[in-house]
Amino acid sequence: MFENQQRDDVEALMKADAEFRRLYQHHKELDSKVHDAEIGVLPIDDMTLTGMKKEKLHAKERLQRMWDERAHKHRIVN
């Protein structure tokens, strides 16, 4: 996520915004668990996996909104 963004910009936002940092880490954890479940390393049922995927998507959407809001504010200031 945020592969097209400058790593320094992402790290700066994580340092400046505790909610963004927490949500980013949560998304990374979910991403890892979903991946492990899909390859069979983490044995979970389909309903749990579907729930994890939905939670991961919601986290990603929230992170994107936070990123976009930051970018919008930055453009207004400059």
PDB file of N, CA and C in Angstrom:
ATOM      1  N   MET A   1       0.844  -1.176   0.000  1.00  0.00           N
ATOM      2  CA  MET A   1       0.000   0.000   0.000  1.00  0.00           C
ATOM      3  C   MET A   1       0.886   1.234   0.000  1.00  0.00           C
ATOM      4  N   PHE A   2       0.471   2.240  -0.722  1.00  0.00           N
ATOM      5  CA  PHE A   2       1.215   3.476  -0.886  1.00  0.00           C
ATOM      6  C   PHE A   2       2.549   3.233  -1.580  1.00  0.00           C
ATOM      7  N   GLU A   3       2.585   2.197  -2.451  1.00  0.00           N
ATOM      8  CA  GLU A   3       3.808   1.875  -3.168  1.00  0.00           C
ATOM      9  C   GLU A   3       4.237   3.006  -4.089  1.00  0.00           C
ATOM     10  N   ASN A   4       3.268   3.768  -4.569  1.00  0.00           N
ATOM     11  CA  ASN A   4       3.575   4.858  -5.499  1.00  0.00           C
ATOM     12  C   ASN A   4       3.961   6.150  -4.789  1.00  0.00           C
ATOM     13  N   GLN A   5       3.933   6.135  -3.475  1.00  0.00           N
ATOM     14  CA  GLN A   5       4.257   7.325  -2.698  1.00  0.00           C
ATOM     15  C   GLN A   5       5.714   7.256  -2.233  1.00  0.00           C
ATOM     16  N   GLN A   6       6.265   8.406  -1.964  1.00  0.00           N
ATOM     17  CA  GLN A   6       7.622   8.461  -1.428  1.00  0.00           C
ATOM     18  C   GLN A   6       7.633   7.867  -0.023  1.00  0.00           C
ATOM     19  N   ARG A   7       8.561   6.959   0.212  1.00  0.00           N
ATOM     20  CA  ARG A   7       8.657   6.303   1.523  1.00  0.00           C
ATOM     21  C   ARG A   7       8.810   7.350   2.637  1.00  0.00           C
ATOM     22  N   ASP A   8       9.571   8.394   2.372  1.00  0.00           N
ATOM     23  CA  ASP A   8       9.765   9.441   3.377  1.00  0.00           C
ATOM     24  C   ASP A   8       8.455  10.128   3.738  1.00  0.00           C
ATOM     25  N   ASP A   9       7.590  10.331   2.740  1.00  0.00           N
ATOM     26  CA  ASP A   9       6.295  10.969   2.992  1.00  0.00           C
ATOM     27  C   ASP A   9       5.407  10.087   3.864  1.00  0.00           C
ATOM     28  N   VAL A  10       5.405   8.801   3.584  1.00  0.00           N
ATOM     29  CA  VAL A  10       4.604   7.860   4.371  1.00  0.00           C
ATOM     30  C   VAL A  10       5.135   7.814   5.801  1.00  0.00           C
ATOM     31  N   GLU A  11       6.446   7.725   5.950  1.00  0.00           N
ATOM     32  CA  GLU A  11       7.041   7.684   7.290  1.00  0.00           C
ATOM     33  C   GLU A  11       6.778   8.974   8.057  1.00  0.00           C
ATOM     34  N   ALA A  12       6.815  10.100   7.368  1.00  0.00           N
ATOM     35  CA  ALA A  12       6.542  11.376   8.028  1.00  0.00           C
ATOM     36  C   ALA A  12       5.111  11.420   8.543  1.00  0.00           C
ATOM     37  N   LEU A  13       4.163  10.929   7.747  1.00  0.00           N
ATOM     38  CA  LEU A  13       2.773  10.919   8.192  1.00  0.00           C
ATOM     39  C   LEU A  13       2.591   9.955   9.358  1.00  0.00           C
ATOM     40  N   MET A  14       3.283   8.833   9.333  1.00  0.00           N
ATOM     41  CA  MET A  14       3.177   7.885  10.451  1.00  0.00           C
ATOM     42  C   MET A  14       3.719   8.513  11.736  1.00  0.00           C
ATOM     43  N   LYS A  15       4.785   9.296  11.632  1.00  0.00           N
ATOM     44  CA  LYS A  15       5.341   9.969  12.807  1.00  0.00           C
ATOM     45  C   LYS A  15       4.421  11.066  13.317  1.00  0.00           C
ATOM     46  N   ALA A  16       3.774  11.757  12.378  1.00  0.00           N
ATOM     47  CA  ALA A  16       2.940  12.903  12.746  1.00  0.00           C
ATOM     48  C   ALA A  16       1.542  12.524  13.205  1.00  0.00           C
ATOM     49  N   ASP A  17       1.046  11.367  12.784  1.00  0.00           N
ATOM     50  CA  ASP A  17      -0.347  11.004  13.045  1.00  0.00           C
ATOM     51  C   ASP A  17      -0.421   9.599  13.638  1.00  0.00           C
ATOM     52  N   ALA A  18      -0.692   9.540  14.931  1.00  0.00           N
ATOM     53  CA  ALA A  18      -0.737   8.259  15.628  1.00  0.00           C
ATOM     54  C   ALA A  18      -1.834   7.351  15.085  1.00  0.00           C
ATOM     55  N   GLU A  19      -2.967   7.917  14.694  1.00  0.00           N
ATOM     56  CA  GLU A  19      -4.059   7.097  14.155  1.00  0.00           C
ATOM     57  C   GLU A  19      -3.648   6.472  12.820  1.00  0.00           C
ATOM     58  N   PHE A  20      -3.012   7.266  11.963  1.00  0.00           N
ATOM     59  CA  PHE A  20      -2.540   6.737  10.684  1.00  0.00           C
ATOM     60  C   PHE A  20      -1.542   5.613  10.930  1.00  0.00           C
ATOM     61  N   ARG A  21      -0.615   5.815  11.853  1.00  0.00           N
ATOM     62  CA  ARG A  21       0.404   4.803  12.177  1.00  0.00           C
ATOM     63  C   ARG A  21      -0.245   3.510  12.676  1.00  0.00           C
ATOM     64  N   ARG A  22      -1.198   3.645  13.582  1.00  0.00           N
ATOM     65  CA  ARG A  22      -1.868   2.468  14.140  1.00  0.00           C
ATOM     66  C   ARG A  22      -2.624   1.720  13.047  1.00  0.00           C
ATOM     67  N   LEU A  23      -3.346   2.461  12.234  1.00  0.00           N
ATOM     68  CA  LEU A  23      -4.126   1.848  11.167  1.00  0.00           C
ATOM     69  C   LEU A  23      -3.223   1.210  10.109  1.00  0.00           C
ATOM     70  N   TYR A  24      -2.117   1.848   9.803  1.00  0.00           N
ATOM     71  CA  TYR A  24      -1.154   1.310   8.836  1.00  0.00           C
ATOM     72  C   TYR A  24      -0.593  -0.016   9.336  1.00  0.00           C
ATOM     73  N   GLN A  25      -0.206  -0.062  10.600  1.00  0.00           N
ATOM     74  CA  GLN A  25       0.322  -1.299  11.177  1.00  0.00           C
ATOM     75  C   GLN A  25      -0.747  -2.390  11.224  1.00  0.00           C
ATOM     76  N   HIS A  26      -1.964  -2.005  11.552  1.00  0.00           N
ATOM     77  CA  HIS A  26      -3.074  -2.960  11.592  1.00  0.00           C
ATOM     78  C   HIS A  26      -3.313  -3.551  10.199  1.00  0.00           C
ATOM     79  N   HIS A  27      -3.286  -2.702   9.183  1.00  0.00           N
ATOM     80  CA  HIS A  27      -3.460  -3.169   7.811  1.00  0.00           C
ATOM     81  C   HIS A  27      -2.352  -4.141   7.431  1.00  0.00           C
ATOM     82  N   LYS A  28      -1.118  -3.823   7.804  1.00  0.00           N
ATOM     83  CA  LYS A  28       0.006  -4.710   7.488  1.00  0.00           C
ATOM     84  C   LYS A  28      -0.159  -6.071   8.171  1.00  0.00           C
ATOM     85  N   GLU A  29      -0.606  -6.076   9.422  1.00  0.00           N
ATOM     86  CA  GLU A  29      -0.831  -7.328  10.143  1.00  0.00           C
ATOM     87  C   GLU A  29      -1.927  -8.153   9.471  1.00  0.00           C
ATOM     88  N   LEU A  30      -3.021  -7.492   9.113  1.00  0.00           N
ATOM     89  CA  LEU A  30      -4.110  -8.192   8.433  1.00  0.00           C
ATOM     90  C   LEU A  30      -3.646  -8.736   7.085  1.00  0.00           C
ATOM     91  N   ASP A  31      -2.866  -7.950   6.361  1.00  0.00           N
ATOM     92  CA  ASP A  31      -2.354  -8.382   5.066  1.00  0.00           C
ATOM     93  C   ASP A  31      -1.531  -9.655   5.216  1.00  0.00           C
ATOM     94  N   SER A  32      -0.697  -9.686   6.221  1.00  0.00           N
ATOM     95  CA  SER A  32       0.141 -10.858   6.470  1.00  0.00           C
ATOM     96  C   SER A  32      -0.710 -12.076   6.836  1.00  0.00           C
ATOM     97  N   LYS A  33      -1.697 -11.879   7.696  1.00  0.00           N
ATOM     98  CA  LYS A  33      -2.568 -12.985   8.104  1.00  0.00           C
ATOM     99  C   LYS A  33      -3.395 -13.513   6.940  1.00  0.00           C
ATOM    100  N   VAL A  34      -3.933 -12.609   6.128  1.00  0.00           N
ATOM    101  CA  VAL A  34      -4.715 -13.031   4.962  1.00  0.00           C
ATOM    102  C   VAL A  34      -3.837 -13.829   4.016  1.00  0.00           C
ATOM    103  N   HIS A  35      -2.636 -13.340   3.780  1.00  0.00           N
ATOM    104  CA  HIS A  35      -1.711 -14.057   2.906  1.00  0.00           C
ATOM    105  C   HIS A  35      -1.417 -15.451   3.458  1.00  0.00           C
ATOM    106  N   ASP A  36      -1.106 -15.518   4.740  1.00  0.00           N
ATOM    107  CA  ASP A  36      -0.815 -16.821   5.369  1.00  0.00           C
ATOM    108  C   ASP A  36      -2.005 -17.762   5.279  1.00  0.00           C
ATOM    109  N   ALA A  37      -3.201 -17.234   5.452  1.00  0.00           N
ATOM    110  CA  ALA A  37      -4.402 -18.067   5.364  1.00  0.00           C
ATOM    111  C   ALA A  37      -4.607 -18.569   3.940  1.00  0.00           C
ATOM    112  N   GLU A  38      -4.352 -17.706   2.972  1.00  0.00           N
ATOM    113  CA  GLU A  38      -4.562 -18.084   1.577  1.00  0.00           C
ATOM    114  C   GLU A  38      -3.578 -19.152   1.104  1.00  0.00           C
ATOM    115  N   ILE A  39      -2.376 -19.151   1.670  1.00  0.00           N
ATOM    116  CA  ILE A  39      -1.405 -20.177   1.264  1.00  0.00           C
ATOM    117  C   ILE A  39      -1.439 -21.399   2.171  1.00  0.00           C
ATOM    118  N   GLY A  40      -2.327 -21.378   3.167  1.00  0.00           N
ATOM    119  CA  GLY A  40      -2.523 -22.544   4.013  1.00  0.00           C
ATOM    120  C   GLY A  40      -1.663 -22.613   5.259  1.00  0.00           C
ATOM    121  N   VAL A  41      -0.900 -21.572   5.532  1.00  0.00           N
ATOM    122  CA  VAL A  41      -0.042 -21.552   6.720  1.00  0.00           C
ATOM    123  C   VAL A  41      -0.851 -21.258   7.984  1.00  0.00           C
ATOM    124  N   LEU A  42      -1.876 -20.419   7.830  1.00  0.00           N
ATOM    125  CA  LEU A  42      -2.742 -20.047   8.946  1.00  0.00           C
ATOM    126  C   LEU A  42      -4.101 -20.701   8.734  1.00  0.00           C
ATOM    127  N   PRO A  43      -4.367 -21.755   9.481  1.00  0.00           N
ATOM    128  CA  PRO A  43      -5.635 -22.466   9.269  1.00  0.00           C
ATOM    129  C   PRO A  43      -6.825 -21.731   9.896  1.00  0.00           C
ATOM    130  N   ILE A  44      -7.640 -21.121   9.048  1.00  0.00           N
ATOM    131  CA  ILE A  44      -8.868 -20.468   9.512  1.00  0.00           C
ATOM    132  C   ILE A  44      -9.989 -20.803   8.540  1.00  0.00           C
ATOM    133  N   ASP A  45     -11.203 -20.660   9.017  1.00  0.00           N
ATOM    134  CA  ASP A  45     -12.354 -20.971   8.166  1.00  0.00           C
ATOM    135  C   ASP A  45     -12.629 -19.825   7.193  1.00  0.00           C
ATOM    136  N   ASP A  46     -13.405 -20.120   6.175  1.00  0.00           N
ATOM    137  CA  ASP A  46     -13.690 -19.142   5.122  1.00  0.00           C
ATOM    138  C   ASP A  46     -14.396 -17.897   5.652  1.00  0.00           C
ATOM    139  N   MET A  47     -15.277 -18.058   6.624  1.00  0.00           N
ATOM    140  CA  MET A  47     -16.008 -16.919   7.172  1.00  0.00           C
ATOM    141  C   MET A  47     -15.043 -15.965   7.874  1.00  0.00           C
ATOM    142  N   THR A  48     -14.109 -16.507   8.625  1.00  0.00           N
ATOM    143  CA  THR A  48     -13.122 -15.672   9.313  1.00  0.00           C
ATOM    144  C   THR A  48     -12.231 -14.966   8.307  1.00  0.00           C
ATOM    145  N   LEU A  49     -11.804 -15.689   7.271  1.00  0.00           N
ATOM    146  CA  LEU A  49     -10.961 -15.102   6.229  1.00  0.00           C
ATOM    147  C   LEU A  49     -11.698 -13.963   5.518  1.00  0.00           C
ATOM    148  N   THR A  50     -12.951 -14.180   5.209  1.00  0.00           N
ATOM    149  CA  THR A  50     -13.743 -13.133   4.555  1.00  0.00           C
ATOM    150  C   THR A  50     -13.846 -11.902   5.451  1.00  0.00           C
ATOM    151  N   GLY A  51     -14.053 -12.114   6.732  1.00  0.00           N
ATOM    152  CA  GLY A  51     -14.116 -10.998   7.678  1.00  0.00           C
ATOM    153  C   GLY A  51     -12.809 -10.236   7.753  1.00  0.00           C
ATOM    154  N   MET A  52     -11.696 -10.972   7.743  1.00  0.00           N
ATOM    155  CA  MET A  52     -10.384 -10.333   7.771  1.00  0.00           C
ATOM    156  C   MET A  52     -10.150  -9.513   6.508  1.00  0.00           C
ATOM    157  N   LYS A  53     -10.580 -10.037   5.372  1.00  0.00           N
ATOM    158  CA  LYS A  53     -10.420  -9.311   4.110  1.00  0.00           C
ATOM    159  C   LYS A  53     -11.238  -8.022   4.117  1.00  0.00           C
ATOM    160  N   LYS A  54     -12.454  -8.084   4.652  1.00  0.00           N
ATOM    161  CA  LYS A  54     -13.297  -6.885   4.732  1.00  0.00           C
ATOM    162  C   LYS A  54     -12.671  -5.853   5.664  1.00  0.00           C
ATOM    163  N   GLU A  55     -12.168  -6.308   6.801  1.00  0.00           N
ATOM    164  CA  GLU A  55     -11.537  -5.406   7.759  1.00  0.00           C
ATOM    165  C   GLU A  55     -10.289  -4.764   7.147  1.00  0.00           C
ATOM    166  N   LYS A  56      -9.530  -5.555   6.403  1.00  0.00           N
ATOM    167  CA  LYS A  56      -8.335  -5.052   5.728  1.00  0.00           C
ATOM    168  C   LYS A  56      -8.717  -3.982   4.698  1.00  0.00           C
ATOM    169  N   LEU A  57      -9.771  -4.227   3.941  1.00  0.00           N
ATOM    170  CA  LEU A  57     -10.231  -3.269   2.943  1.00  0.00           C
ATOM    171  C   LEU A  57     -10.690  -1.970   3.595  1.00  0.00           C
ATOM    172  N   HIS A  58     -11.431  -2.082   4.694  1.00  0.00           N
ATOM    173  CA  HIS A  58     -11.886  -0.874   5.399  1.00  0.00           C
ATOM    174  C   HIS A  58     -10.688  -0.070   5.912  1.00  0.00           C
ATOM    175  N   ALA A  59      -9.685  -0.764   6.432  1.00  0.00           N
ATOM    176  CA  ALA A  59      -8.487  -0.073   6.909  1.00  0.00           C
ATOM    177  C   ALA A  59      -7.793   0.637   5.752  1.00  0.00           C
ATOM    178  N   LYS A  60      -7.685  -0.044   4.618  1.00  0.00           N
ATOM    179  CA  LYS A  60      -7.032   0.553   3.450  1.00  0.00           C
ATOM    180  C   LYS A  60      -7.793   1.780   2.966  1.00  0.00           C
ATOM    181  N   GLU A  61      -9.111   1.684   2.918  1.00  0.00           N
ATOM    182  CA  GLU A  61      -9.920   2.823   2.482  1.00  0.00           C
ATOM    183  C   GLU A  61      -9.752   4.012   3.423  1.00  0.00           C
ATOM    184  N   ARG A  62      -9.736   3.746   4.710  1.00  0.00           N
ATOM    185  CA  ARG A  62      -9.561   4.828   5.703  1.00  0.00           C
ATOM    186  C   ARG A  62      -8.177   5.455   5.558  1.00  0.00           C
ATOM    187  N   LEU A  63      -7.157   4.626   5.384  1.00  0.00           N
ATOM    188  CA  LEU A  63      -5.802   5.141   5.190  1.00  0.00           C
ATOM    189  C   LEU A  63      -5.724   6.012   3.942  1.00  0.00           C
ATOM    190  N   GLN A  64      -6.370   5.581   2.872  1.00  0.00           N
ATOM    191  CA  GLN A  64      -6.348   6.361   1.641  1.00  0.00           C
ATOM    192  C   GLN A  64      -7.032   7.704   1.822  1.00  0.00           C
ATOM    193  N   ARG A  65      -8.167   7.704   2.546  1.00  0.00           N
ATOM    194  CA  ARG A  65      -8.857   8.969   2.819  1.00  0.00           C
ATOM    195  C   ARG A  65      -7.959   9.903   3.637  1.00  0.00           C
ATOM    196  N   MET A  66      -7.287   9.345   4.644  1.00  0.00           N
ATOM    197  CA  MET A  66      -6.391  10.150   5.472  1.00  0.00           C
ATOM    198  C   MET A  66      -5.253  10.712   4.619  1.00  0.00           C
ATOM    199  N   TRP A  67      -4.709   9.893   3.738  1.00  0.00           N
ATOM    200  CA  TRP A  67      -3.625  10.318   2.852  1.00  0.00           C
ATOM    201  C   TRP A  67      -4.101  11.442   1.926  1.00  0.00           C
ATOM    202  N   ASP A  68      -5.279  11.237   1.337  1.00  0.00           N
ATOM    203  CA  ASP A  68      -5.831  12.229   0.419  1.00  0.00           C
ATOM    204  C   ASP A  68      -6.121  13.550   1.127  1.00  0.00           C
ATOM    205  N   GLU A  69      -6.639  13.475   2.350  1.00  0.00           N
ATOM    206  CA  GLU A  69      -6.911  14.689   3.125  1.00  0.00           C
ATOM    207  C   GLU A  69      -5.613  15.435   3.402  1.00  0.00           C
ATOM    208  N   ARG A  70      -4.574  14.720   3.732  1.00  0.00           N
ATOM    209  CA  ARG A  70      -3.268  15.329   3.988  1.00  0.00           C
ATOM    210  C   ARG A  70      -2.741  15.992   2.719  1.00  0.00           C
ATOM    211  N   ALA A  71      -2.846  15.295   1.600  1.00  0.00           N
ATOM    212  CA  ALA A  71      -2.361  15.833   0.335  1.00  0.00           C
ATOM    213  C   ALA A  71      -3.150  17.085  -0.047  1.00  0.00           C
ATOM    214  N   HIS A  72      -4.456  17.057   0.188  1.00  0.00           N
ATOM    215  CA  HIS A  72      -5.309  18.208  -0.134  1.00  0.00           C
ATOM    216  C   HIS A  72      -4.921  19.414   0.732  1.00  0.00           C
ATOM    217  N   LYS A  73      -4.748  19.187   2.010  1.00  0.00           N
ATOM    218  CA  LYS A  73      -4.358  20.280   2.907  1.00  0.00           C
ATOM    219  C   LYS A  73      -2.998  20.829   2.520  1.00  0.00           C
ATOM    220  N   HIS A  74      -2.092  19.942   2.151  1.00  0.00           N
ATOM    221  CA  HIS A  74      -0.747  20.356   1.767  1.00  0.00           C
ATOM    222  C   HIS A  74      -0.782  21.232   0.519  1.00  0.00           C
ATOM    223  N   ARG A  75      -1.638  20.885  -0.451  1.00  0.00           N
ATOM    224  CA  ARG A  75      -1.755  21.684  -1.673  1.00  0.00           C
ATOM    225  C   ARG A  75      -2.343  23.056  -1.373  1.00  0.00           C
ATOM    226  N   ILE A  76      -3.285  23.120  -0.438  1.00  0.00           N
ATOM    227  CA  ILE A  76      -3.915  24.405  -0.089  1.00  0.00           C
ATOM    228  C   ILE A  76      -2.892  25.316   0.595  1.00  0.00           C
ATOM    229  N   VAL A  77      -2.079  24.754   1.447  1.00  0.00           N
ATOM    230  CA  VAL A  77      -1.095  25.539   2.194  1.00  0.00           C
ATOM    231  C   VAL A  77      -0.011  26.066   1.277  1.00  0.00           C
ATOM    232  N   ASN A  78       0.409  25.263   0.326  1.00  0.00           N
ATOM    233  CA  ASN A  78       1.509  25.678  -0.574  1.00  0.00           C
ATOM    234  C   ASN A  78       1.031  26.507  -1.713  1.00  0.00           C
TER     235      ASN A  78
END
